[in-house]
Amino acid sequence: MSNPLFLGLYKFWSVYNGDTSFLPLYLPLLFWVVSYTYCRFVRREFHKWTLLHSFHNFGAIVLGLISLYYDNDAVFSERLSILWSMAYFLVDIVDCIVRGDVAYTVHATFCLLLGVANYTTPVCRELRMNSKAALLECSTPFLYVAKTTRHPAHFILFALAFTLCRIVWVPVLSLQLKQAGRGYTDYLQLALCGFYCLNLFWYAKILRILYDGATGKIDKKEV
């Protein structure tokens, strides 16, 4: 640890990973605000910048997996995963409201509320619910590929990923909360249920597109 570079990195990580540091919120938030401002300045649509949103998805998944692997806040705090996504959705919700996108505004709202709950509720921190929920994002890259290629096989892969990562996985998270003493009438469960209903709404649209594709009625604009 005598190397100045390693010593500096160690000190930075000690601060960044600390329970009182909000750098894990401020630094990502600065990045997303600058990115959104850039899009507004050059008249680029923020929500269509796939590479940028993929950066958030990949970051959420990686941070979640690392948090679950170590399962030790002294080594890798659950706060890092929570604040990373909260910073993103603080900007995303502004974009959704400006665009008048009701469904994604509701989605961003649920994600922010659940993020706050994950941050402030001890049982959620103990279960690392935010890191587990980050695995929902594993379906998103398949959506981007399907939207880009418009290939039926890619949409089928997205539908399968959505089924596993969201339709199956969310009830598993709900069951873990139930086993931890949070009944189905608890506010955490109700918020998770609301988020799940939104995903069921999207799932119904996915199934309809699959049905229309199988019967020759598919409109590629719907994918």
C-alpha atoms as a PDB file:
ATOM      1  CA  MET A   1       0.000   0.000   0.000  1.00  0.00           C
ATOM      2  CA  SER A   2       3.091   2.252  -0.163  1.00  0.00           C
ATOM      3  CA  ASN A   3       2.363   3.087  -3.807  1.00  0.00           C
ATOM      4  CA  PRO A   4       0.817   6.613  -3.854  1.00  0.00           C
ATOM      5  CA  LEU A   5      -1.660   5.629  -6.574  1.00  0.00           C
ATOM      6  CA  PHE A   6      -2.940   2.590  -4.677  1.00  0.00           C
ATOM      7  CA  LEU A   7      -3.040   4.582  -1.466  1.00  0.00           C
ATOM      8  CA  GLY A   8      -5.080   7.299  -3.154  1.00  0.00           C
ATOM      9  CA  LEU A   9      -7.481   4.774  -4.664  1.00  0.00           C
ATOM     10  CA  TYR A  10      -7.855   3.043  -1.311  1.00  0.00           C
ATOM     11  CA  LYS A  11      -8.668   6.317   0.441  1.00  0.00           C
ATOM     12  CA  PHE A  12     -11.131   7.300  -2.279  1.00  0.00           C
ATOM     13  CA  TRP A  13     -12.878   3.926  -2.090  1.00  0.00           C
ATOM     14  CA  SER A  14     -13.046   4.127   1.696  1.00  0.00           C
ATOM     15  CA  VAL A  15     -14.870   7.448   1.374  1.00  0.00           C
ATOM     16  CA  TYR A  16     -16.985   6.447  -1.636  1.00  0.00           C
ATOM     17  CA  ASN A  17     -18.105   3.203  -0.001  1.00  0.00           C
ATOM     18  CA  GLY A  18     -18.756   4.832   3.380  1.00  0.00           C
ATOM     19  CA  ASP A  19     -22.193   4.991   4.987  1.00  0.00           C
ATOM     20  CA  THR A  20     -22.246   8.792   5.063  1.00  0.00           C
ATOM     21  CA  SER A  21     -20.937   9.519   1.571  1.00  0.00           C
ATOM     22  CA  PHE A  22     -23.328  10.686  -1.115  1.00  0.00           C
ATOM     23  CA  LEU A  23     -20.717  10.650  -3.857  1.00  0.00           C
ATOM     24  CA  PRO A  24     -22.386   7.459  -5.224  1.00  0.00           C
ATOM     25  CA  LEU A  25     -25.442   9.663  -5.850  1.00  0.00           C
ATOM     26  CA  TYR A  26     -23.841  12.968  -6.832  1.00  0.00           C
ATOM     27  CA  LEU A  27     -21.306  11.668  -9.359  1.00  0.00           C
ATOM     28  CA  PRO A  28     -23.761   9.544 -11.396  1.00  0.00           C
ATOM     29  CA  LEU A  29     -26.382  12.301 -11.110  1.00  0.00           C
ATOM     30  CA  LEU A  30     -23.904  14.811 -12.537  1.00  0.00           C
ATOM     31  CA  PHE A  31     -23.239  12.444 -15.438  1.00  0.00           C
ATOM     32  CA  TRP A  32     -26.943  11.972 -16.222  1.00  0.00           C
ATOM     33  CA  VAL A  33     -27.742  15.683 -15.898  1.00  0.00           C
ATOM     34  CA  VAL A  34     -24.892  16.590 -18.255  1.00  0.00           C
ATOM     35  CA  SER A  35     -26.013  13.880 -20.706  1.00  0.00           C
ATOM     36  CA  TYR A  36     -29.614  15.078 -20.624  1.00  0.00           C
ATOM     37  CA  THR A  37     -28.572  18.715 -21.013  1.00  0.00           C
ATOM     38  CA  TYR A  38     -26.407  17.752 -23.977  1.00  0.00           C
ATOM     39  CA  CYS A  39     -29.380  16.018 -25.620  1.00  0.00           C
ATOM     40  CA  ARG A  40     -31.558  19.086 -25.131  1.00  0.00           C
ATOM     41  CA  PHE A  41     -28.826  21.349 -26.493  1.00  0.00           C
ATOM     42  CA  VAL A  42     -28.204  19.349 -29.691  1.00  0.00           C
ATOM     43  CA  ARG A  43     -31.891  18.422 -30.055  1.00  0.00           C
ATOM     44  CA  ARG A  44     -31.228  14.733 -29.588  1.00  0.00           C
ATOM     45  CA  GLU A  45     -33.867  12.498 -28.007  1.00  0.00           C
ATOM     46  CA  PHE A  46     -32.526  11.364 -24.637  1.00  0.00           C
ATOM     47  CA  HIS A  47     -34.807   8.329 -24.404  1.00  0.00           C
ATOM     48  CA  LYS A  48     -33.578   7.013 -27.765  1.00  0.00           C
ATOM     49  CA  TRP A  49     -29.883   7.147 -26.852  1.00  0.00           C
ATOM     50  CA  THR A  50     -29.614   3.383 -26.490  1.00  0.00           C
ATOM     51  CA  LEU A  51     -25.904   3.256 -25.710  1.00  0.00           C
ATOM     52  CA  LEU A  52     -26.325   5.715 -22.845  1.00  0.00           C
ATOM     53  CA  HIS A  53     -29.216   3.807 -21.276  1.00  0.00           C
ATOM     54  CA  SER A  54     -27.332   0.552 -21.775  1.00  0.00           C
ATOM     55  CA  PHE A  55     -24.562   2.069 -19.662  1.00  0.00           C
ATOM     56  CA  HIS A  56     -27.023   2.464 -16.789  1.00  0.00           C
ATOM     57  CA  ASN A  57     -28.428  -1.049 -17.272  1.00  0.00           C
ATOM     58  CA  PHE A  58     -24.989  -2.635 -17.386  1.00  0.00           C
ATOM     59  CA  GLY A  59     -23.856  -0.618 -14.364  1.00  0.00           C
ATOM     60  CA  ALA A  60     -26.941  -1.604 -12.361  1.00  0.00           C
ATOM     61  CA  ILE A  61     -26.451  -5.289 -13.150  1.00  0.00           C
ATOM     62  CA  VAL A  62     -22.718  -5.278 -12.392  1.00  0.00           C
ATOM     63  CA  LEU A  63     -23.101  -3.325  -9.141  1.00  0.00           C
ATOM     64  CA  GLY A  64     -25.949  -5.598  -8.095  1.00  0.00           C
ATOM     65  CA  LEU A  65     -23.979  -8.763  -8.789  1.00  0.00           C
ATOM     66  CA  ILE A  66     -20.917  -7.475  -6.917  1.00  0.00           C
ATOM     67  CA  SER A  67     -23.082  -6.469  -3.953  1.00  0.00           C
ATOM     68  CA  LEU A  68     -24.737  -9.891  -3.866  1.00  0.00           C
ATOM     69  CA  TYR A  69     -21.392 -11.660  -4.227  1.00  0.00           C
ATOM     70  CA  TYR A  70     -19.700  -9.939  -1.279  1.00  0.00           C
ATOM     71  CA  ASP A  71     -22.854  -9.473   0.826  1.00  0.00           C
ATOM     72  CA  ASN A  72     -20.808  -7.222   3.091  1.00  0.00           C
ATOM     73  CA  ASP A  73     -21.293  -3.452   3.231  1.00  0.00           C
ATOM     74  CA  ALA A  74     -17.793  -2.945   4.599  1.00  0.00           C
ATOM     75  CA  VAL A  75     -16.429  -4.368   1.346  1.00  0.00           C
ATOM     76  CA  PHE A  76     -19.109  -3.238  -1.110  1.00  0.00           C
ATOM     77  CA  SER A  77     -22.073  -1.289   0.205  1.00  0.00           C
ATOM     78  CA  GLU A  78     -25.605  -1.937  -1.001  1.00  0.00           C
ATOM     79  CA  ARG A  79     -25.922   1.862  -1.139  1.00  0.00           C
ATOM     80  CA  LEU A  80     -23.812   1.909  -4.307  1.00  0.00           C
ATOM     81  CA  SER A  81     -26.370  -0.076  -6.265  1.00  0.00           C
ATOM     82  CA  ILE A  82     -29.304   1.911  -4.871  1.00  0.00           C
ATOM     83  CA  LEU A  83     -27.870   5.379  -5.457  1.00  0.00           C
ATOM     84  CA  TRP A  84     -26.593   4.503  -8.933  1.00  0.00           C
ATOM     85  CA  SER A  85     -30.117   3.784 -10.147  1.00  0.00           C
ATOM     86  CA  MET A  86     -31.766   6.579  -8.161  1.00  0.00           C
ATOM     87  CA  ALA A  87     -29.496   9.113  -9.878  1.00  0.00           C
ATOM     88  CA  TYR A  88     -30.522   7.736 -13.266  1.00  0.00           C
ATOM     89  CA  PHE A  89     -34.250   7.717 -12.562  1.00  0.00           C
ATOM     90  CA  LEU A  90     -34.187  11.261 -11.164  1.00  0.00           C
ATOM     91  CA  VAL A  91     -33.215  12.425 -14.648  1.00  0.00           C
ATOM     92  CA  ASP A  92     -35.263   9.796 -16.479  1.00  0.00           C
ATOM     93  CA  ILE A  93     -38.483  10.891 -14.770  1.00  0.00           C
ATOM     94  CA  VAL A  94     -37.884  14.487 -15.887  1.00  0.00           C
ATOM     95  CA  ASP A  95     -37.431  13.308 -19.470  1.00  0.00           C
ATOM     96  CA  CYS A  96     -40.576  11.152 -19.287  1.00  0.00           C
ATOM     97  CA  ILE A  97     -42.663  14.042 -17.941  1.00  0.00           C
ATOM     98  CA  VAL A  98     -41.334  16.453 -20.580  1.00  0.00           C
ATOM     99  CA  ARG A  99     -42.176  13.917 -23.319  1.00  0.00           C
ATOM    100  CA  GLY A 100     -45.592  13.207 -21.823  1.00  0.00           C
ATOM    101  CA  ASP A 101     -44.896   9.464 -21.672  1.00  0.00           C
ATOM    102  CA  VAL A 102     -47.358   8.287 -19.024  1.00  0.00           C
ATOM    103  CA  ALA A 103     -46.294   4.628 -18.843  1.00  0.00           C
ATOM    104  CA  TYR A 104     -42.601   5.387 -18.431  1.00  0.00           C
ATOM    105  CA  THR A 105     -43.326   8.220 -16.006  1.00  0.00           C
ATOM    106  CA  VAL A 106     -45.170   5.693 -13.838  1.00  0.00           C
ATOM    107  CA  HIS A 107     -42.258   3.269 -14.262  1.00  0.00           C
ATOM    108  CA  ALA A 108     -39.676   5.866 -13.227  1.00  0.00           C
ATOM    109  CA  THR A 109     -41.850   6.901 -10.273  1.00  0.00           C
ATOM    110  CA  PHE A 110     -42.127   3.323  -9.015  1.00  0.00           C
ATOM    111  CA  CYS A 111     -38.377   2.819  -9.450  1.00  0.00           C
ATOM    112  CA  LEU A 112     -37.621   5.954  -7.444  1.00  0.00           C
ATOM    113  CA  LEU A 113     -40.084   5.066  -4.679  1.00  0.00           C
ATOM    114  CA  LEU A 114     -38.749   1.523  -4.459  1.00  0.00           C
ATOM    115  CA  GLY A 115     -35.211   2.914  -4.458  1.00  0.00           C
ATOM    116  CA  VAL A 116     -36.044   5.144  -1.488  1.00  0.00           C
ATOM    117  CA  ALA A 117     -37.661   2.175   0.265  1.00  0.00           C
ATOM    118  CA  ASN A 118     -34.609   0.010  -0.408  1.00  0.00           C
ATOM    119  CA  TYR A 119     -32.368   2.743   0.982  1.00  0.00           C
ATOM    120  CA  THR A 120     -34.357   3.543   4.127  1.00  0.00           C
ATOM    121  CA  THR A 121     -35.769   0.142   5.108  1.00  0.00           C
ATOM    122  CA  PRO A 122     -33.378  -2.089   7.091  1.00  0.00           C
ATOM    123  CA  VAL A 123     -34.926  -5.349   5.873  1.00  0.00           C
ATOM    124  CA  CYS A 124     -34.434  -4.287   2.245  1.00  0.00           C
ATOM    125  CA  ARG A 125     -30.810  -3.387   2.916  1.00  0.00           C
ATOM    126  CA  GLU A 126     -30.273  -6.705   4.703  1.00  0.00           C
ATOM    127  CA  LEU A 127     -31.841  -8.701   1.863  1.00  0.00           C
ATOM    128  CA  ARG A 128     -30.069  -6.512  -0.721  1.00  0.00           C
ATOM    129  CA  MET A 129     -33.360  -6.143  -2.523  1.00  0.00           C
ATOM    130  CA  ASN A 130     -32.137  -3.373  -4.809  1.00  0.00           C
ATOM    131  CA  SER A 131     -29.274  -5.524  -6.071  1.00  0.00           C
ATOM    132  CA  LYS A 132     -31.664  -8.395  -6.674  1.00  0.00           C
ATOM    133  CA  ALA A 133     -34.105  -6.054  -8.409  1.00  0.00           C
ATOM    134  CA  ALA A 134     -31.290  -4.805 -10.649  1.00  0.00           C
ATOM    135  CA  LEU A 135     -31.348  -8.231 -12.292  1.00  0.00           C
ATOM    136  CA  LEU A 136     -34.644  -7.167 -13.877  1.00  0.00           C
ATOM    137  CA  GLU A 137     -32.494  -5.065 -16.182  1.00  0.00           C
ATOM    138  CA  CYS A 138     -31.123  -8.236 -17.791  1.00  0.00           C
ATOM    139  CA  SER A 139     -34.142  -8.192 -20.113  1.00  0.00           C
ATOM    140  CA  THR A 140     -33.471  -4.659 -21.377  1.00  0.00           C
ATOM    141  CA  PRO A 141     -30.547  -5.428 -23.751  1.00  0.00           C
ATOM    142  CA  PHE A 142     -32.807  -7.914 -25.538  1.00  0.00           C
ATOM    143  CA  LEU A 143     -35.371  -5.137 -26.009  1.00  0.00           C
ATOM    144  CA  TYR A 144     -32.756  -2.845 -27.545  1.00  0.00           C
ATOM    145  CA  VAL A 145     -31.648  -5.573 -29.953  1.00  0.00           C
ATOM    146  CA  ALA A 146     -35.243  -6.351 -30.939  1.00  0.00           C
ATOM    147  CA  LYS A 147     -35.985  -2.670 -31.542  1.00  0.00           C
ATOM    148  CA  THR A 148     -32.832  -2.266 -33.631  1.00  0.00           C
ATOM    149  CA  THR A 149     -33.107  -5.352 -35.835  1.00  0.00           C
ATOM    150  CA  ARG A 150     -36.907  -5.784 -35.921  1.00  0.00           C
ATOM    151  CA  HIS A 151     -36.179  -9.492 -36.311  1.00  0.00           C
ATOM    152  CA  PRO A 152     -38.914 -11.849 -35.008  1.00  0.00           C
ATOM    153  CA  ALA A 153     -36.386 -14.207 -33.420  1.00  0.00           C
ATOM    154  CA  HIS A 154     -34.853 -11.353 -31.445  1.00  0.00           C
ATOM    155  CA  PHE A 155     -38.269 -10.275 -30.208  1.00  0.00           C
ATOM    156  CA  ILE A 156     -38.979 -13.841 -29.081  1.00  0.00           C
ATOM    157  CA  LEU A 157     -35.699 -13.825 -27.130  1.00  0.00           C
ATOM    158  CA  PHE A 158     -36.725 -10.521 -25.550  1.00  0.00           C
ATOM    159  CA  ALA A 159     -40.121 -11.971 -24.613  1.00  0.00           C
ATOM    160  CA  LEU A 160     -38.433 -14.947 -22.939  1.00  0.00           C
ATOM    161  CA  ALA A 161     -35.989 -12.688 -21.079  1.00  0.00           C
ATOM    162  CA  PHE A 162     -38.839 -10.413 -19.964  1.00  0.00           C
ATOM    163  CA  THR A 163     -40.765 -13.437 -18.708  1.00  0.00           C
ATOM    164  CA  LEU A 164     -37.872 -14.717 -16.601  1.00  0.00           C
ATOM    165  CA  CYS A 165     -36.404 -11.403 -15.426  1.00  0.00           C
ATOM    166  CA  ARG A 166     -39.644  -9.601 -14.622  1.00  0.00           C
ATOM    167  CA  ILE A 167     -42.752 -11.774 -14.643  1.00  0.00           C
ATOM    168  CA  VAL A 168     -41.096 -14.628 -12.714  1.00  0.00           C
ATOM    169  CA  TRP A 169     -38.454 -12.735 -10.723  1.00  0.00           C
ATOM    170  CA  VAL A 170     -40.640 -10.020  -9.141  1.00  0.00           C
ATOM    171  CA  PRO A 171     -42.893 -12.550  -7.317  1.00  0.00           C
ATOM    172  CA  VAL A 172     -39.712 -14.196  -5.988  1.00  0.00           C
ATOM    173  CA  LEU A 173     -38.669 -10.850  -4.502  1.00  0.00           C
ATOM    174  CA  SER A 174     -42.152 -10.434  -3.040  1.00  0.00           C
ATOM    175  CA  LEU A 175     -41.939 -13.876  -1.451  1.00  0.00           C
ATOM    176  CA  GLN A 176     -38.576 -13.033   0.117  1.00  0.00           C
ATOM    177  CA  LEU A 177     -40.102  -9.907   1.656  1.00  0.00           C
ATOM    178  CA  LYS A 178     -42.989 -12.018   2.952  1.00  0.00           C
ATOM    179  CA  GLN A 179     -40.579 -14.493   4.539  1.00  0.00           C
ATOM    180  CA  ALA A 180     -38.767 -11.555   6.162  1.00  0.00           C
ATOM    181  CA  GLY A 181     -41.980 -10.495   7.891  1.00  0.00           C
ATOM    182  CA  ARG A 182     -43.363  -8.019   5.362  1.00  0.00           C
ATOM    183  CA  GLY A 183     -46.901  -9.234   4.631  1.00  0.00           C
ATOM    184  CA  TYR A 184     -48.679  -8.665   1.356  1.00  0.00           C
ATOM    185  CA  THR A 185     -50.523  -5.624   2.763  1.00  0.00           C
ATOM    186  CA  ASP A 186     -47.239  -3.933   3.741  1.00  0.00           C
ATOM    187  CA  TYR A 187     -46.461  -0.721   1.855  1.00  0.00           C
ATOM    188  CA  LEU A 188     -43.344  -2.299   0.367  1.00  0.00           C
ATOM    189  CA  GLN A 189     -45.386  -5.160  -1.028  1.00  0.00           C
ATOM    190  CA  LEU A 190     -48.025  -2.771  -2.370  1.00  0.00           C
ATOM    191  CA  ALA A 191     -45.389  -0.666  -4.130  1.00  0.00           C
ATOM    192  CA  LEU A 192     -43.822  -3.806  -5.590  1.00  0.00           C
ATOM    193  CA  CYS A 193     -47.286  -4.977  -6.656  1.00  0.00           C
ATOM    194  CA  GLY A 194     -47.899  -1.685  -8.453  1.00  0.00           C
ATOM    195  CA  PHE A 195     -44.581  -2.038 -10.262  1.00  0.00           C
ATOM    196  CA  TYR A 196     -45.482  -5.629 -11.159  1.00  0.00           C
ATOM    197  CA  CYS A 197     -48.850  -4.552 -12.567  1.00  0.00           C
ATOM    198  CA  LEU A 198     -47.063  -2.119 -14.867  1.00  0.00           C
ATOM    199  CA  ASN A 199     -44.861  -4.957 -16.077  1.00  0.00           C
ATOM    200  CA  LEU A 200     -47.947  -7.125 -16.601  1.00  0.00           C
ATOM    201  CA  PHE A 201     -49.375  -4.322 -18.749  1.00  0.00           C
ATOM    202  CA  TRP A 202     -46.250  -4.392 -20.904  1.00  0.00           C
ATOM    203  CA  TYR A 203     -46.264  -8.189 -20.885  1.00  0.00           C
ATOM    204  CA  ALA A 204     -49.788  -8.208 -22.291  1.00  0.00           C
ATOM    205  CA  LYS A 205     -48.561  -6.016 -25.154  1.00  0.00           C
ATOM    206  CA  ILE A 206     -45.625  -8.371 -25.727  1.00  0.00           C
ATOM    207  CA  LEU A 207     -47.929 -11.388 -25.877  1.00  0.00           C
ATOM    208  CA  ARG A 208     -50.242  -9.574 -28.290  1.00  0.00           C
ATOM    209  CA  ILE A 209     -47.313  -8.793 -30.590  1.00  0.00           C
ATOM    210  CA  LEU A 210     -46.253 -12.448 -30.449  1.00  0.00           C
ATOM    211  CA  TYR A 211     -49.798 -13.529 -31.267  1.00  0.00           C
ATOM    212  CA  ASP A 212     -50.089 -11.054 -34.126  1.00  0.00           C
ATOM    213  CA  GLY A 213     -46.733 -12.212 -35.438  1.00  0.00           C
ATOM    214  CA  ALA A 214     -47.820 -15.843 -35.341  1.00  0.00           C
ATOM    215  CA  THR A 215     -51.051 -15.021 -37.183  1.00  0.00           C
ATOM    216  CA  GLY A 216     -49.478 -12.699 -39.742  1.00  0.00           C
ATOM    217  CA  LYS A 217     -50.901  -9.485 -38.282  1.00  0.00           C
ATOM    218  CA  ILE A 218     -47.678  -8.053 -36.904  1.00  0.00           C
ATOM    219  CA  ASP A 219     -46.911  -4.359 -37.334  1.00  0.00           C
ATOM    220  CA  LYS A 220     -43.172  -3.781 -37.015  1.00  0.00           C
ATOM    221  CA  LYS A 221     -43.814  -0.342 -35.558  1.00  0.00           C
ATOM    222  CA  GLU A 222     -45.186  -2.054 -32.460  1.00  0.00           C
ATOM    223  CA  VAL A 223     -41.971  -3.905 -31.684  1.00  0.00           C
END
